[in-house]
Amino acid sequence: MLRKTVLLAAMAWTLSAQDGAQRFASLGDLKLESGEVIRDCRIGYRTWGQLDASHSNAILFPTWFGGTTSQLAGNFTSGGMIDTGRYFVVAVDAIGNGVSTSPSNSRTQPRMKFPRFSIRDMV
């Protein structure tokens, strides 16, 4: 839970534009529920809307297994499924989806060297 809160706060704090552009947050070494570690973990994300002065209008929207934030983009518009005129949306690419650190793109733990991760680790 703390990991998610810190990640959301770091992403929201460092953003200058909330236009749906692909961005990445480096988490360093990420310890998984199993005790294994993803080295040099990077999480892809996109944001839409504006964070209000009280920082109370943020919505964290994860992707589904294998889904990407680019596939979600059309849902985040002014007056859309999640109204970006009211809310600041942070959509996060799940571990293993090919955008965030995955067996297919890890430089330090490629393919079969990648640690086993679960849905709980992704969330």
Protein backbone atom coordinates (compact mmCIF):
# COMPACT_ATOMS: atom_id res chain seq x y z
CA MET A 1 0.00 0.00 0.00
CA LEU A 2 2.80 2.39 0.90
CA ARG A 3 4.54 1.58 -2.39
CA LYS A 4 1.39 2.57 -4.34
CA THR A 5 0.92 5.80 -2.38
CA VAL A 6 4.55 6.84 -2.88
CA LEU A 7 4.40 6.00 -6.60
CA LEU A 8 1.20 8.01 -7.13
CA ALA A 9 2.54 10.97 -5.16
CA ALA A 10 5.86 10.93 -7.04
CA MET A 11 4.16 10.81 -10.43
CA ALA A 12 1.67 13.56 -9.58
CA TRP A 13 4.37 15.78 -8.07
CA THR A 14 6.75 15.60 -11.06
CA LEU A 15 4.27 16.09 -13.88
CA SER A 16 4.14 19.30 -15.84
CA ALA A 17 1.71 18.17 -18.57
CA GLN A 18 -1.30 15.90 -18.18
CA ASP A 19 -1.96 15.12 -21.81
CA GLY A 20 -1.89 11.33 -21.93
CA ALA A 21 1.74 11.09 -23.06
CA GLN A 22 3.59 7.89 -22.10
CA ARG A 23 5.88 8.44 -19.14
CA PHE A 24 7.95 6.18 -16.88
CA ALA A 25 8.73 6.09 -13.17
CA SER A 26 11.85 4.24 -12.01
CA LEU A 27 11.22 2.22 -8.87
CA GLY A 28 14.69 0.75 -8.51
CA ASP A 29 14.64 -2.82 -7.20
CA LEU A 30 11.07 -3.97 -6.53
CA LYS A 31 10.64 -6.78 -4.00
CA LEU A 32 7.80 -9.09 -4.97
CA GLU A 33 5.41 -10.91 -2.68
CA SER A 34 7.41 -14.12 -3.27
CA GLY A 35 10.59 -12.48 -2.02
CA GLU A 36 12.12 -12.35 -5.51
CA VAL A 37 13.21 -8.95 -6.85
CA ILE A 38 12.67 -7.19 -10.16
CA ARG A 39 15.89 -5.25 -10.75
CA ASP A 40 15.68 -1.72 -12.15
CA CYS A 41 11.86 -1.82 -12.28
CA ARG A 42 10.21 0.86 -14.43
CA ILE A 43 6.47 1.48 -14.49
CA GLY A 44 4.79 3.10 -17.46
CA TYR A 45 1.97 5.56 -16.85
CA ARG A 46 -0.11 8.30 -18.45
CA THR A 47 -2.05 11.15 -16.89
CA TRP A 48 -5.04 13.24 -17.90
CA GLY A 49 -6.74 16.25 -16.29
CA GLN A 50 -5.47 18.55 -13.58
CA LEU A 51 -4.66 17.80 -9.97
CA ASP A 52 -6.67 20.20 -7.79
CA ALA A 53 -5.12 22.40 -5.08
CA SER A 54 -6.11 20.00 -2.29
CA HIS A 55 -4.81 16.96 -4.25
CA SER A 56 -8.14 15.23 -3.61
CA ASN A 57 -9.34 14.55 -7.17
CA ALA A 58 -6.81 11.87 -8.23
CA ILE A 59 -7.95 8.52 -9.58
CA LEU A 60 -5.48 5.64 -9.98
CA PHE A 61 -6.57 3.41 -12.88
CA PRO A 62 -4.62 0.17 -13.41
CA THR A 63 -4.66 -1.80 -16.64
CA TRP A 64 -5.99 -5.34 -16.91
CA PHE A 65 -3.66 -8.33 -17.35
CA GLY A 66 -1.83 -7.71 -20.64
CA GLY A 67 -3.61 -4.40 -21.23
CA THR A 68 -1.87 -1.08 -21.76
CA THR A 69 -2.65 2.52 -20.93
CA SER A 70 -2.73 3.38 -24.63
CA GLN A 71 -5.75 1.07 -24.94
CA LEU A 72 -7.48 2.99 -22.14
CA ALA A 73 -6.80 6.49 -23.45
CA GLY A 74 -10.20 7.05 -25.10
CA ASN A 75 -11.98 6.63 -21.76
CA PHE A 76 -10.37 9.68 -20.18
CA THR A 77 -11.87 12.82 -21.71
CA SER A 78 -13.85 15.81 -20.55
CA GLY A 79 -17.33 14.38 -20.06
CA GLY A 80 -16.07 10.83 -20.76
CA MET A 81 -16.20 7.65 -18.69
CA ILE A 82 -13.92 9.40 -16.23
CA ASP A 83 -14.38 13.14 -16.64
CA THR A 84 -10.95 14.75 -16.89
CA GLY A 85 -12.63 18.12 -16.41
CA ARG A 86 -13.24 17.02 -12.79
CA TYR A 87 -10.61 14.38 -12.08
CA PHE A 88 -6.88 13.87 -12.41
CA VAL A 89 -6.40 10.36 -13.81
CA VAL A 90 -3.19 8.35 -13.43
CA ALA A 91 -3.37 5.18 -15.57
CA VAL A 92 -0.60 2.67 -14.80
CA ASP A 93 0.81 -0.02 -17.08
CA ALA A 94 1.00 -3.33 -15.19
CA ILE A 95 4.26 -5.19 -14.63
CA GLY A 96 4.72 -7.68 -17.44
CA ASN A 97 2.58 -5.95 -20.09
CA GLY A 98 5.53 -5.06 -22.31
CA VAL A 99 5.44 -1.34 -21.48
CA SER A 100 6.41 -1.53 -17.80
CA THR A 101 9.31 -3.81 -16.90
CA SER A 102 8.57 -7.22 -18.38
CA PRO A 103 10.35 -10.44 -19.36
CA SER A 104 10.42 -9.11 -22.93
CA ASN A 105 12.11 -5.78 -22.16
CA SER A 106 14.15 -6.26 -18.97
CA ARG A 107 17.86 -5.60 -19.59
CA THR A 108 19.01 -7.25 -16.36
CA GLN A 109 16.52 -10.16 -16.17
CA PRO A 110 15.37 -11.00 -19.70
CA ARG A 111 12.94 -13.77 -20.62
CA MET A 112 13.31 -16.84 -18.34
CA LYS A 113 15.57 -14.92 -15.92
CA PHE A 114 12.66 -12.63 -15.05
CA PRO A 115 11.24 -13.35 -11.58
CA ARG A 116 7.80 -14.90 -11.25
CA PHE A 117 5.24 -12.28 -10.31
CA SER A 118 1.58 -12.44 -9.38
CA ILE A 119 -1.51 -10.34 -9.89
CA ARG A 120 -1.01 -9.01 -6.33
CA ASP A 121 2.45 -7.73 -7.37
CA MET A 122 0.91 -6.06 -10.40
CA VAL A 123 -1.73 -4.30 -8.33
